[in-house]
Each structure stands twice: as structure tokens, then as C-alpha cells.
Amino acid sequence: MQAYYTAQIQRRGEWWIGWIQEVSGVTCQEKTREELLETLKITLLEVLEYDSQEAVRRAESEYEEVKIAV
């Protein structure tokens, strides 16, 4: 199953800037639109992976990972 996120992007002078609406902290800046979209994807994946690892570290007792569909 593929998840979809909303990238807000705009051109400001010579730069393209953007962020992911659903995940705070994913903000990027690049020279081209294509580079910006790729950097946003990479950064989003890194943040999601970090958040997942951090949640596991914070678990104080045994836990079970269960995938749920939304």
C-alpha cells in the first residue's frame, strides 16, 4: 500500500521551496522543481524512519507491531 502526502511548493526568486503538509519538520529548498520534489521525498522518508525508531526506543514494555489500514 502506498501512502500519499501533500507537498506545498513555490518558486521564490531563483529557488524552489517546499514542505510536507502532514509532517512538520519536512521543509526543503532546491534550485529546480524536480530536485525539490526528490529532496522532499528523501527527507520525508528519513523523518518517518526516525519517528518509527524513536517510538520503539521509547516503548517501556513489550510491544507488538501491527499494520493497520486507514
PDB file of N, CA and C in Angstrom:
ATOM      1  N   MET A   1       0.836  -1.175   0.000  1.00  0.00           N
ATOM      2  CA  MET A   1       0.000   0.000   0.000  1.00  0.00           C
ATOM      3  C   MET A   1       0.885   1.244   0.000  1.00  0.00           C
ATOM      4  N   GLN A   2       0.579   2.173  -0.840  1.00  0.00           N
ATOM      5  CA  GLN A   2       1.361   3.390  -0.959  1.00  0.00           C
ATOM      6  C   GLN A   2       0.662   4.528  -0.226  1.00  0.00           C
ATOM      7  N   ALA A   3       1.410   5.298   0.542  1.00  0.00           N
ATOM      8  CA  ALA A   3       0.864   6.460   1.243  1.00  0.00           C
ATOM      9  C   ALA A   3       1.117   7.706   0.394  1.00  0.00           C
ATOM     10  N   TYR A   4       0.222   8.648   0.504  1.00  0.00           N
ATOM     11  CA  TYR A   4       0.365   9.904  -0.228  1.00  0.00           C
ATOM     12  C   TYR A   4       0.418  11.066   0.748  1.00  0.00           C
ATOM     13  N   TYR A   5       1.280  12.025   0.469  1.00  0.00           N
ATOM     14  CA  TYR A   5       1.440  13.212   1.286  1.00  0.00           C
ATOM     15  C   TYR A   5       1.316  14.430   0.378  1.00  0.00           C
ATOM     16  N   THR A   6       1.007  15.565   0.970  1.00  0.00           N
ATOM     17  CA  THR A   6       0.808  16.792   0.200  1.00  0.00           C
ATOM     18  C   THR A   6       2.033  17.687   0.314  1.00  0.00           C
ATOM     19  N   ALA A   7       2.667  17.950  -0.820  1.00  0.00           N
ATOM     20  CA  ALA A   7       3.807  18.862  -0.851  1.00  0.00           C
ATOM     21  C   ALA A   7       3.303  20.246  -1.264  1.00  0.00           C
ATOM     22  N   GLN A   8       3.575  21.236  -0.439  1.00  0.00           N
ATOM     23  CA  GLN A   8       3.291  22.629  -0.766  1.00  0.00           C
ATOM     24  C   GLN A   8       4.591  23.184  -1.334  1.00  0.00           C
ATOM     25  N   ILE A   9       4.585  23.642  -2.572  1.00  0.00           N
ATOM     26  CA  ILE A   9       5.818  24.143  -3.180  1.00  0.00           C
ATOM     27  C   ILE A   9       5.566  25.499  -3.831  1.00  0.00           C
ATOM     28  N   GLN A  10       6.628  26.294  -3.920  1.00  0.00           N
ATOM     29  CA  GLN A  10       6.540  27.570  -4.615  1.00  0.00           C
ATOM     30  C   GLN A  10       7.939  28.022  -5.029  1.00  0.00           C
ATOM     31  N   ARG A  11       7.950  28.835  -6.043  1.00  0.00           N
ATOM     32  CA  ARG A  11       9.212  29.406  -6.504  1.00  0.00           C
ATOM     33  C   ARG A  11       9.384  30.760  -5.848  1.00  0.00           C
ATOM     34  N   ARG A  12      10.560  30.985  -5.270  1.00  0.00           N
ATOM     35  CA  ARG A  12      10.907  32.280  -4.681  1.00  0.00           C
ATOM     36  C   ARG A  12      12.232  32.720  -5.279  1.00  0.00           C
ATOM     37  N   GLY A  13      12.141  33.625  -6.212  1.00  0.00           N
ATOM     38  CA  GLY A  13      13.351  34.080  -6.904  1.00  0.00           C
ATOM     39  C   GLY A  13      13.969  32.930  -7.681  1.00  0.00           C
ATOM     40  N   GLU A  14      15.227  32.639  -7.405  1.00  0.00           N
ATOM     41  CA  GLU A  14      15.931  31.557  -8.095  1.00  0.00           C
ATOM     42  C   GLU A  14      15.741  30.205  -7.420  1.00  0.00           C
ATOM     43  N   TRP A  15      15.054  30.155  -6.298  1.00  0.00           N
ATOM     44  CA  TRP A  15      14.923  28.928  -5.523  1.00  0.00           C
ATOM     45  C   TRP A  15      13.497  28.400  -5.540  1.00  0.00           C
ATOM     46  N   TRP A  16      13.390  27.086  -5.403  1.00  0.00           N
ATOM     47  CA  TRP A  16      12.115  26.422  -5.152  1.00  0.00           C
ATOM     48  C   TRP A  16      12.126  26.007  -3.685  1.00  0.00           C
ATOM     49  N   ILE A  17      11.055  26.319  -2.964  1.00  0.00           N
ATOM     50  CA  ILE A  17      10.953  25.904  -1.574  1.00  0.00           C
ATOM     51  C   ILE A  17       9.686  25.073  -1.407  1.00  0.00           C
ATOM     52  N   GLY A  18       9.697  24.198  -0.403  1.00  0.00           N
ATOM     53  CA  GLY A  18       8.520  23.379  -0.186  1.00  0.00           C
ATOM     54  C   GLY A  18       8.541  22.694   1.160  1.00  0.00           C
ATOM     55  N   TRP A  19       7.385  22.175   1.530  1.00  0.00           N
ATOM     56  CA  TRP A  19       7.236  21.443   2.778  1.00  0.00           C
ATOM     57  C   TRP A  19       6.127  20.426   2.621  1.00  0.00           C
ATOM     58  N   ILE A  20       6.115  19.456   3.515  1.00  0.00           N
ATOM     59  CA  ILE A  20       5.069  18.429   3.521  1.00  0.00           C
ATOM     60  C   ILE A  20       4.026  18.851   4.549  1.00  0.00           C
ATOM     61  N   GLN A  21       2.796  18.997   4.082  1.00  0.00           N
ATOM     62  CA  GLN A  21       1.708  19.485   4.926  1.00  0.00           C
ATOM     63  C   GLN A  21       1.466  18.608   6.152  1.00  0.00           C
ATOM     64  N   GLU A  22       1.476  17.314   5.972  1.00  0.00           N
ATOM     65  CA  GLU A  22       1.071  16.395   7.036  1.00  0.00           C
ATOM     66  C   GLU A  22       2.152  16.094   8.067  1.00  0.00           C
ATOM     67  N   VAL A  23       3.409  16.453   7.785  1.00  0.00           N
ATOM     68  CA  VAL A  23       4.509  16.095   8.687  1.00  0.00           C
ATOM     69  C   VAL A  23       5.366  17.335   8.949  1.00  0.00           C
ATOM     70  N   SER A  24       5.314  17.825  10.185  1.00  0.00           N
ATOM     71  CA  SER A  24       6.113  19.010  10.499  1.00  0.00           C
ATOM     72  C   SER A  24       7.599  18.665  10.458  1.00  0.00           C
ATOM     73  N   GLY A  25       8.394  19.626  10.073  1.00  0.00           N
ATOM     74  CA  GLY A  25       9.837  19.423  10.024  1.00  0.00           C
ATOM     75  C   GLY A  25      10.375  19.025   8.669  1.00  0.00           C
ATOM     76  N   VAL A  26       9.496  18.727   7.719  1.00  0.00           N
ATOM     77  CA  VAL A  26       9.951  18.359   6.374  1.00  0.00           C
ATOM     78  C   VAL A  26       9.834  19.604   5.493  1.00  0.00           C
ATOM     79  N   THR A  27      10.922  20.350   5.439  1.00  0.00           N
ATOM     80  CA  THR A  27      10.997  21.584   4.667  1.00  0.00           C
ATOM     81  C   THR A  27      12.296  21.557   3.877  1.00  0.00           C
ATOM     82  N   CYS A  28      12.230  21.895   2.584  1.00  0.00           N
ATOM     83  CA  CYS A  28      13.419  21.819   1.737  1.00  0.00           C
ATOM     84  C   CYS A  28      13.483  23.008   0.785  1.00  0.00           C
ATOM     85  N   GLN A  29      14.671  23.196   0.212  1.00  0.00           N
ATOM     86  CA  GLN A  29      14.912  24.257  -0.762  1.00  0.00           C
ATOM     87  C   GLN A  29      15.886  23.729  -1.800  1.00  0.00           C
ATOM     88  N   GLU A  30      15.566  23.928  -3.077  1.00  0.00           N
ATOM     89  CA  GLU A  30      16.438  23.470  -4.168  1.00  0.00           C
ATOM     90  C   GLU A  30      16.367  24.461  -5.332  1.00  0.00           C
ATOM     91  N   LYS A  31      17.284  24.299  -6.272  1.00  0.00           N
ATOM     92  CA  LYS A  31      17.335  25.181  -7.443  1.00  0.00           C
ATOM     93  C   LYS A  31      16.279  24.849  -8.497  1.00  0.00           C
ATOM     94  N   THR A  32      15.855  23.572  -8.562  1.00  0.00           N
ATOM     95  CA  THR A  32      14.845  23.207  -9.558  1.00  0.00           C
ATOM     96  C   THR A  32      13.655  22.534  -8.880  1.00  0.00           C
ATOM     97  N   ARG A  33      12.527  22.555  -9.550  1.00  0.00           N
ATOM     98  CA  ARG A  33      11.303  21.928  -9.038  1.00  0.00           C
ATOM     99  C   ARG A  33      11.511  20.424  -8.856  1.00  0.00           C
ATOM    100  N   GLU A  34      12.132  19.793  -9.846  1.00  0.00           N
ATOM    101  CA  GLU A  34      12.360  18.350  -9.795  1.00  0.00           C
ATOM    102  C   GLU A  34      13.267  17.974  -8.628  1.00  0.00           C
ATOM    103  N   GLU A  35      14.343  18.740  -8.424  1.00  0.00           N
ATOM    104  CA  GLU A  35      15.244  18.481  -7.291  1.00  0.00           C
ATOM    105  C   GLU A  35      14.500  18.660  -5.969  1.00  0.00           C
ATOM    106  N   LEU A  36      13.654  19.683  -5.899  1.00  0.00           N
ATOM    107  CA  LEU A  36      12.893  19.927  -4.680  1.00  0.00           C
ATOM    108  C   LEU A  36      11.984  18.748  -4.356  1.00  0.00           C
ATOM    109  N   LEU A  37      11.241  18.254  -5.342  1.00  0.00           N
ATOM    110  CA  LEU A  37      10.337  17.137  -5.095  1.00  0.00           C
ATOM    111  C   LEU A  37      11.098  15.893  -4.645  1.00  0.00           C
ATOM    112  N   GLU A  38      12.244  15.632  -5.234  1.00  0.00           N
ATOM    113  CA  GLU A  38      13.055  14.477  -4.838  1.00  0.00           C
ATOM    114  C   GLU A  38      13.598  14.653  -3.425  1.00  0.00           C
ATOM    115  N   THR A  39      14.078  15.841  -3.093  1.00  0.00           N
ATOM    116  CA  THR A  39      14.602  16.106  -1.762  1.00  0.00           C
ATOM    117  C   THR A  39      13.503  16.016  -0.712  1.00  0.00           C
ATOM    118  N   LEU A  40      12.298  16.484  -1.035  1.00  0.00           N
ATOM    119  CA  LEU A  40      11.173  16.360  -0.114  1.00  0.00           C
ATOM    120  C   LEU A  40      10.862  14.892   0.165  1.00  0.00           C
ATOM    121  N   LYS A  41      10.884  14.051  -0.876  1.00  0.00           N
ATOM    122  CA  LYS A  41      10.630  12.611  -0.686  1.00  0.00           C
ATOM    123  C   LYS A  41      11.672  11.984   0.229  1.00  0.00           C
ATOM    124  N   ILE A  42      12.931  12.271  -0.042  1.00  0.00           N
ATOM    125  CA  ILE A  42      14.026  11.705   0.753  1.00  0.00           C
ATOM    126  C   ILE A  42      13.917  12.157   2.205  1.00  0.00           C
ATOM    127  N   THR A  43      13.687  13.446   2.407  1.00  0.00           N
ATOM    128  CA  THR A  43      13.588  13.984   3.763  1.00  0.00           C
ATOM    129  C   THR A  43      12.389  13.408   4.498  1.00  0.00           C
ATOM    130  N   LEU A  44      11.249  13.284   3.812  1.00  0.00           N
ATOM    131  CA  LEU A  44      10.057  12.698   4.414  1.00  0.00           C
ATOM    132  C   LEU A  44      10.329  11.267   4.871  1.00  0.00           C
ATOM    133  N   LEU A  45      10.949  10.467   4.017  1.00  0.00           N
ATOM    134  CA  LEU A  45      11.260   9.081   4.387  1.00  0.00           C
ATOM    135  C   LEU A  45      12.197   9.022   5.588  1.00  0.00           C
ATOM    136  N   GLU A  46      13.178   9.912   5.635  1.00  0.00           N
ATOM    137  CA  GLU A  46      14.107   9.940   6.768  1.00  0.00           C
ATOM    138  C   GLU A  46      13.384  10.305   8.060  1.00  0.00           C
ATOM    139  N   VAL A  47      12.492  11.282   8.009  1.00  0.00           N
ATOM    140  CA  VAL A  47      11.749  11.688   9.205  1.00  0.00           C
ATOM    141  C   VAL A  47      10.831  10.560   9.670  1.00  0.00           C
ATOM    142  N   LEU A  48      10.135   9.925   8.740  1.00  0.00           N
ATOM    143  CA  LEU A  48       9.239   8.826   9.110  1.00  0.00           C
ATOM    144  C   LEU A  48      10.017   7.662   9.725  1.00  0.00           C
ATOM    145  N   GLU A  49      11.175   7.339   9.175  1.00  0.00           N
ATOM    146  CA  GLU A  49      12.009   6.261   9.715  1.00  0.00           C
ATOM    147  C   GLU A  49      12.512   6.625  11.112  1.00  0.00           C
ATOM    148  N   TYR A  50      12.965   7.852  11.279  1.00  0.00           N
ATOM    149  CA  TYR A  50      13.440   8.292  12.591  1.00  0.00           C
ATOM    150  C   TYR A  50      12.314   8.213  13.622  1.00  0.00           C
ATOM    151  N   ASP A  51      11.131   8.711  13.256  1.00  0.00           N
ATOM    152  CA  ASP A  51       9.996   8.677  14.179  1.00  0.00           C
ATOM    153  C   ASP A  51       9.650   7.247  14.580  1.00  0.00           C
ATOM    154  N   SER A  52       9.733   6.329  13.625  1.00  0.00           N
ATOM    155  CA  SER A  52       9.439   4.930  13.906  1.00  0.00           C
ATOM    156  C   SER A  52      10.462   4.353  14.882  1.00  0.00           C
ATOM    157  N   GLN A  53      11.722   4.605  14.638  1.00  0.00           N
ATOM    158  CA  GLN A  53      12.782   4.111  15.524  1.00  0.00           C
ATOM    159  C   GLN A  53      12.675   4.734  16.911  1.00  0.00           C
ATOM    160  N   GLU A  54      12.331   6.001  16.956  1.00  0.00           N
ATOM    161  CA  GLU A  54      12.195   6.697  18.243  1.00  0.00           C
ATOM    162  C   GLU A  54      11.034   6.117  19.047  1.00  0.00           C
ATOM    163  N   ALA A  55       9.951   5.780  18.393  1.00  0.00           N
ATOM    164  CA  ALA A  55       8.802   5.183  19.084  1.00  0.00           C
ATOM    165  C   ALA A  55       9.189   3.845  19.701  1.00  0.00           C
ATOM    166  N   VAL A  56       9.970   3.057  18.984  1.00  0.00           N
ATOM    167  CA  VAL A  56      10.413   1.768  19.514  1.00  0.00           C
ATOM    168  C   VAL A  56      11.312   1.984  20.725  1.00  0.00           C
ATOM    169  N   ARG A  57      12.224   2.934  20.656  1.00  0.00           N
ATOM    170  CA  ARG A  57      13.122   3.213  21.778  1.00  0.00           C
ATOM    171  C   ARG A  57      12.360   3.661  23.023  1.00  0.00           C
ATOM    172  N   ARG A  58      11.267   4.368  22.817  1.00  0.00           N
ATOM    173  CA  ARG A  58      10.511   4.892  23.958  1.00  0.00           C
ATOM    174  C   ARG A  58       9.568   3.863  24.590  1.00  0.00           C
ATOM    175  N   ALA A  59       9.362   2.764  23.913  1.00  0.00           N
ATOM    176  CA  ALA A  59       8.467   1.736  24.467  1.00  0.00           C
ATOM    177  C   ALA A  59       9.087   1.191  25.752  1.00  0.00           C
ATOM    178  N   GLU A  60       8.328   1.201  26.833  1.00  0.00           N
ATOM    179  CA  GLU A  60       8.860   0.778  28.130  1.00  0.00           C
ATOM    180  C   GLU A  60       8.603  -0.697  28.425  1.00  0.00           C
ATOM    181  N   SER A  61       7.695  -1.300  27.705  1.00  0.00           N
ATOM    182  CA  SER A  61       7.406  -2.711  27.941  1.00  0.00           C
ATOM    183  C   SER A  61       7.364  -3.426  26.594  1.00  0.00           C
ATOM    184  N   GLU A  62       7.065  -4.702  26.649  1.00  0.00           N
ATOM    185  CA  GLU A  62       6.955  -5.451  25.403  1.00  0.00           C
ATOM    186  C   GLU A  62       5.873  -4.840  24.525  1.00  0.00           C
ATOM    187  N   TYR A  63       6.085  -4.887  23.257  1.00  0.00           N
ATOM    188  CA  TYR A  63       5.120  -4.331  22.328  1.00  0.00           C
ATOM    189  C   TYR A  63       5.017  -5.234  21.110  1.00  0.00           C
ATOM    190  N   GLU A  64       3.989  -5.010  20.348  1.00  0.00           N
ATOM    191  CA  GLU A  64       3.758  -5.755  19.123  1.00  0.00           C
ATOM    192  C   GLU A  64       3.487  -4.746  18.014  1.00  0.00           C
ATOM    193  N   GLU A  65       4.155  -4.886  16.891  1.00  0.00           N
ATOM    194  CA  GLU A  65       3.886  -4.014  15.746  1.00  0.00           C
ATOM    195  C   GLU A  65       2.783  -4.646  14.907  1.00  0.00           C
ATOM    196  N   VAL A  66       1.754  -3.860  14.625  1.00  0.00           N
ATOM    197  CA  VAL A  66       0.624  -4.335  13.834  1.00  0.00           C
ATOM    198  C   VAL A  66       0.343  -3.301  12.759  1.00  0.00           C
ATOM    199  N   LYS A  67       0.315  -3.714  11.501  1.00  0.00           N
ATOM    200  CA  LYS A  67      -0.012  -2.816  10.399  1.00  0.00           C
ATOM    201  C   LYS A  67      -1.536  -2.677  10.327  1.00  0.00           C
ATOM    202  N   ILE A  68      -2.008  -1.434  10.229  1.00  0.00           N
ATOM    203  CA  ILE A  68      -3.440  -1.220  10.090  1.00  0.00           C
ATOM    204  C   ILE A  68      -3.703  -0.390   8.841  1.00  0.00           C
ATOM    205  N   ALA A  69      -4.788  -0.649   8.195  1.00  0.00           N
ATOM    206  CA  ALA A  69      -5.175   0.101   7.009  1.00  0.00           C
ATOM    207  C   ALA A  69      -6.064   1.267   7.425  1.00  0.00           C
ATOM    208  N   VAL A  70      -5.823   2.402   6.822  1.00  0.00           N
ATOM    209  CA  VAL A  70      -6.657   3.581   7.104  1.00  0.00           C
ATOM    210  C   VAL A  70      -7.232   4.145   5.825  1.00  0.00           C
TER     211      VAL A  70
END
